[in-house]
Amino acid sequence: MKEFDLMKSEIKKAERFAANKSNEPCFLAAWSYSGVDDLGWADVLCEMDSAESGEYVSTVHLCVYMNDRRRSYVARVMPTV
């Protein structure tokens, strides 16, 4: 399997999205993905923490298009249990 890592622009998209939804500055604490599908899309789950307190804020679902990484977008904030 080819090595995969998030680009700076993809991290910023996830951080900005989480900050807008939670009304506090956030940073990427951890991320995971399970591979690329037949169409070239990778679903990445990003765990976002508060930049002020360091506590968990939300999980952001980032869709990464491997053929053109500029087309990556944030799909949604995952519901917390």
N, C-alpha and C. Protein backbone atom coordinates (compact mmCIF):
# COMPACT_ATOMS: atom_id res chain seq x y z
N MET A 1 0.84 -1.17 0.00
CA MET A 1 0.00 0.00 0.00
C MET A 1 0.89 1.25 0.00
N LYS A 2 0.50 2.22 -0.75
CA LYS A 2 1.24 3.47 -0.86
C LYS A 2 1.14 4.27 0.45
N GLU A 3 2.24 4.91 0.84
CA GLU A 3 2.26 5.73 2.05
C GLU A 3 1.30 6.91 1.91
N PHE A 4 0.55 7.20 2.96
CA PHE A 4 -0.44 8.27 2.93
C PHE A 4 -0.20 9.21 4.10
N ASP A 5 -0.24 10.50 3.84
CA ASP A 5 -0.12 11.51 4.88
C ASP A 5 -0.97 12.70 4.47
N LEU A 6 -1.54 13.38 5.45
CA LEU A 6 -2.35 14.55 5.15
C LEU A 6 -1.47 15.73 4.77
N MET A 7 -1.95 16.53 3.82
CA MET A 7 -1.25 17.74 3.42
C MET A 7 -1.62 18.87 4.38
N LYS A 8 -0.78 19.91 4.43
CA LYS A 8 -1.06 21.05 5.31
C LYS A 8 -2.42 21.68 5.01
N SER A 9 -2.76 21.79 3.72
CA SER A 9 -4.04 22.41 3.35
C SER A 9 -5.22 21.58 3.84
N GLU A 10 -5.09 20.25 3.82
CA GLU A 10 -6.18 19.39 4.29
C GLU A 10 -6.34 19.50 5.81
N ILE A 11 -5.23 19.61 6.51
CA ILE A 11 -5.28 19.79 7.97
C ILE A 11 -5.96 21.12 8.30
N LYS A 12 -5.59 22.17 7.58
CA LYS A 12 -6.18 23.48 7.81
C LYS A 12 -7.69 23.48 7.54
N LYS A 13 -8.13 22.76 6.50
CA LYS A 13 -9.56 22.66 6.20
C LYS A 13 -10.30 22.04 7.38
N ALA A 14 -9.76 20.96 7.92
CA ALA A 14 -10.40 20.28 9.05
C ALA A 14 -10.39 21.17 10.29
N GLU A 15 -9.28 21.84 10.56
CA GLU A 15 -9.19 22.72 11.73
C GLU A 15 -10.16 23.89 11.63
N ARG A 16 -10.23 24.51 10.45
CA ARG A 16 -11.14 25.63 10.25
C ARG A 16 -12.60 25.20 10.41
N PHE A 17 -12.94 24.05 9.84
CA PHE A 17 -14.31 23.55 9.92
C PHE A 17 -14.70 23.27 11.37
N ALA A 18 -13.82 22.60 12.12
CA ALA A 18 -14.11 22.29 13.52
C ALA A 18 -14.21 23.56 14.36
N ALA A 19 -13.35 24.53 14.08
CA ALA A 19 -13.38 25.80 14.82
C ALA A 19 -14.68 26.55 14.56
N ASN A 20 -15.16 26.53 13.34
CA ASN A 20 -16.43 27.19 13.02
C ASN A 20 -17.61 26.52 13.71
N LYS A 21 -17.59 25.20 13.80
CA LYS A 21 -18.69 24.46 14.40
C LYS A 21 -18.68 24.55 15.93
N SER A 22 -17.50 24.63 16.54
CA SER A 22 -17.41 24.61 18.00
C SER A 22 -17.21 26.00 18.61
N ASN A 23 -16.97 27.00 17.78
CA ASN A 23 -16.74 28.38 18.23
C ASN A 23 -15.53 28.51 19.15
N GLU A 24 -14.52 27.67 18.94
CA GLU A 24 -13.26 27.79 19.66
C GLU A 24 -12.14 27.27 18.77
N PRO A 25 -10.92 27.78 18.94
CA PRO A 25 -9.82 27.32 18.08
C PRO A 25 -9.51 25.84 18.32
N CYS A 26 -9.28 25.11 17.23
CA CYS A 26 -9.04 23.67 17.31
C CYS A 26 -7.76 23.29 16.58
N PHE A 27 -7.22 22.12 16.94
CA PHE A 27 -6.07 21.57 16.23
C PHE A 27 -6.29 20.09 16.00
N LEU A 28 -5.60 19.55 15.02
CA LEU A 28 -5.68 18.13 14.68
C LEU A 28 -4.86 17.33 15.68
N ALA A 29 -5.52 16.47 16.44
CA ALA A 29 -4.83 15.65 17.43
C ALA A 29 -4.45 14.28 16.86
N ALA A 30 -5.34 13.69 16.06
CA ALA A 30 -5.08 12.37 15.48
C ALA A 30 -5.96 12.18 14.25
N TRP A 31 -5.55 11.28 13.37
CA TRP A 31 -6.36 10.97 12.20
C TRP A 31 -6.16 9.52 11.82
N SER A 32 -7.15 8.98 11.10
CA SER A 32 -7.06 7.60 10.62
C SER A 32 -7.81 7.47 9.30
N TYR A 33 -7.39 6.50 8.51
CA TYR A 33 -8.11 6.20 7.27
C TYR A 33 -7.95 4.72 6.97
N SER A 34 -8.87 4.18 6.18
CA SER A 34 -8.88 2.75 5.94
C SER A 34 -8.51 2.38 4.51
N GLY A 35 -7.99 3.30 3.74
CA GLY A 35 -7.58 3.00 2.38
C GLY A 35 -8.35 3.82 1.36
N VAL A 36 -8.05 3.59 0.11
CA VAL A 36 -8.64 4.34 -1.00
C VAL A 36 -9.62 3.44 -1.74
N ASP A 37 -10.80 3.99 -2.09
CA ASP A 37 -11.79 3.18 -2.82
C ASP A 37 -11.46 3.13 -4.31
N ASP A 38 -12.30 2.47 -5.08
CA ASP A 38 -12.06 2.27 -6.51
C ASP A 38 -12.05 3.57 -7.31
N LEU A 39 -12.74 4.60 -6.82
CA LEU A 39 -12.81 5.87 -7.53
C LEU A 39 -11.70 6.84 -7.14
N GLY A 40 -10.87 6.46 -6.18
CA GLY A 40 -9.74 7.30 -5.79
C GLY A 40 -9.99 8.17 -4.58
N TRP A 41 -11.06 7.92 -3.83
CA TRP A 41 -11.38 8.72 -2.64
C TRP A 41 -10.94 7.99 -1.38
N ALA A 42 -10.39 8.74 -0.44
CA ALA A 42 -10.02 8.22 0.88
C ALA A 42 -10.84 8.95 1.93
N ASP A 43 -11.49 8.20 2.81
CA ASP A 43 -12.23 8.79 3.91
C ASP A 43 -11.31 8.86 5.12
N VAL A 44 -11.10 10.07 5.62
CA VAL A 44 -10.19 10.30 6.74
C VAL A 44 -10.99 10.84 7.91
N LEU A 45 -10.83 10.22 9.08
CA LEU A 45 -11.46 10.71 10.29
C LEU A 45 -10.42 11.47 11.09
N CYS A 46 -10.70 12.74 11.39
CA CYS A 46 -9.77 13.62 12.09
C CYS A 46 -10.32 13.95 13.47
N GLU A 47 -9.56 13.63 14.50
CA GLU A 47 -9.96 13.96 15.86
C GLU A 47 -9.44 15.37 16.18
N MET A 48 -10.37 16.25 16.51
CA MET A 48 -10.03 17.64 16.77
C MET A 48 -10.09 17.94 18.26
N ASP A 49 -9.06 18.62 18.77
CA ASP A 49 -9.00 19.02 20.17
C ASP A 49 -8.99 20.53 20.26
N SER A 50 -9.39 21.04 21.43
CA SER A 50 -9.40 22.48 21.67
C SER A 50 -7.97 22.98 21.83
N ALA A 51 -7.65 24.09 21.17
CA ALA A 51 -6.31 24.67 21.28
C ALA A 51 -6.10 25.31 22.65
N GLU A 52 -7.18 25.68 23.31
CA GLU A 52 -7.07 26.34 24.62
C GLU A 52 -6.94 25.34 25.76
N SER A 53 -7.82 24.34 25.78
CA SER A 53 -7.82 23.40 26.91
C SER A 53 -7.19 22.06 26.59
N GLY A 54 -7.06 21.72 25.30
CA GLY A 54 -6.49 20.44 24.91
C GLY A 54 -7.48 19.29 25.00
N GLU A 55 -8.74 19.58 25.29
CA GLU A 55 -9.76 18.55 25.41
C GLU A 55 -10.38 18.23 24.04
N TYR A 56 -10.92 17.02 23.94
CA TYR A 56 -11.58 16.58 22.71
C TYR A 56 -12.75 17.49 22.38
N VAL A 57 -12.87 17.88 21.08
CA VAL A 57 -13.96 18.73 20.63
C VAL A 57 -14.90 17.95 19.71
N SER A 58 -14.35 17.36 18.64
CA SER A 58 -15.19 16.63 17.69
C SER A 58 -14.33 15.77 16.77
N THR A 59 -15.02 14.96 15.98
CA THR A 59 -14.37 14.18 14.94
C THR A 59 -14.89 14.69 13.60
N VAL A 60 -13.98 15.05 12.70
CA VAL A 60 -14.33 15.61 11.40
C VAL A 60 -14.08 14.56 10.33
N HIS A 61 -15.04 14.40 9.42
CA HIS A 61 -14.93 13.46 8.30
C HIS A 61 -14.40 14.23 7.09
N LEU A 62 -13.18 13.93 6.68
CA LEU A 62 -12.52 14.59 5.57
C LEU A 62 -12.46 13.63 4.38
N CYS A 63 -12.93 14.08 3.22
CA CYS A 63 -12.89 13.27 2.00
C CYS A 63 -11.72 13.77 1.15
N VAL A 64 -10.78 12.87 0.87
CA VAL A 64 -9.57 13.22 0.13
C VAL A 64 -9.60 12.52 -1.22
N TYR A 65 -9.51 13.29 -2.30
CA TYR A 65 -9.46 12.75 -3.65
C TYR A 65 -7.99 12.57 -4.04
N MET A 66 -7.54 11.34 -4.15
CA MET A 66 -6.13 11.05 -4.32
C MET A 66 -5.58 11.49 -5.68
N ASN A 67 -6.43 11.57 -6.71
CA ASN A 67 -5.96 11.98 -8.03
C ASN A 67 -5.70 13.48 -8.13
N ASP A 68 -6.39 14.27 -7.30
CA ASP A 68 -6.20 15.72 -7.27
C ASP A 68 -6.49 16.19 -5.85
N ARG A 69 -5.45 16.30 -5.03
CA ARG A 69 -5.61 16.57 -3.60
C ARG A 69 -6.24 17.93 -3.32
N ARG A 70 -6.25 18.84 -4.31
CA ARG A 70 -6.89 20.14 -4.11
C ARG A 70 -8.40 20.01 -3.97
N ARG A 71 -8.97 18.90 -4.42
CA ARG A 71 -10.41 18.69 -4.38
C ARG A 71 -10.89 18.09 -3.05
N SER A 72 -10.02 17.94 -2.10
CA SER A 72 -10.40 17.41 -0.80
C SER A 72 -11.39 18.35 -0.13
N TYR A 73 -12.33 17.78 0.61
CA TYR A 73 -13.33 18.60 1.29
C TYR A 73 -13.75 17.94 2.60
N VAL A 74 -14.30 18.77 3.49
CA VAL A 74 -14.82 18.28 4.76
C VAL A 74 -16.28 17.93 4.56
N ALA A 75 -16.63 16.69 4.86
CA ALA A 75 -17.99 16.23 4.64
C ALA A 75 -18.91 16.59 5.81
N ARG A 76 -18.45 16.36 7.04
CA ARG A 76 -19.33 16.60 8.19
C ARG A 76 -18.56 16.44 9.49
N VAL A 77 -19.20 16.87 10.56
CA VAL A 77 -18.70 16.58 11.90
C VAL A 77 -19.41 15.33 12.35
N MET A 78 -18.66 14.34 12.77
CA MET A 78 -19.25 13.07 13.20
C MET A 78 -19.96 13.27 14.54
N PRO A 79 -21.10 12.62 14.73
CA PRO A 79 -21.79 12.73 16.02
C PRO A 79 -20.99 12.06 17.12
N THR A 80 -20.98 12.68 18.29
CA THR A 80 -20.27 12.10 19.43
C THR A 80 -21.23 11.25 20.23
N VAL A 81 -20.70 10.21 20.82
CA VAL A 81 -21.54 9.27 21.58
C VAL A 81 -21.50 9.61 23.05
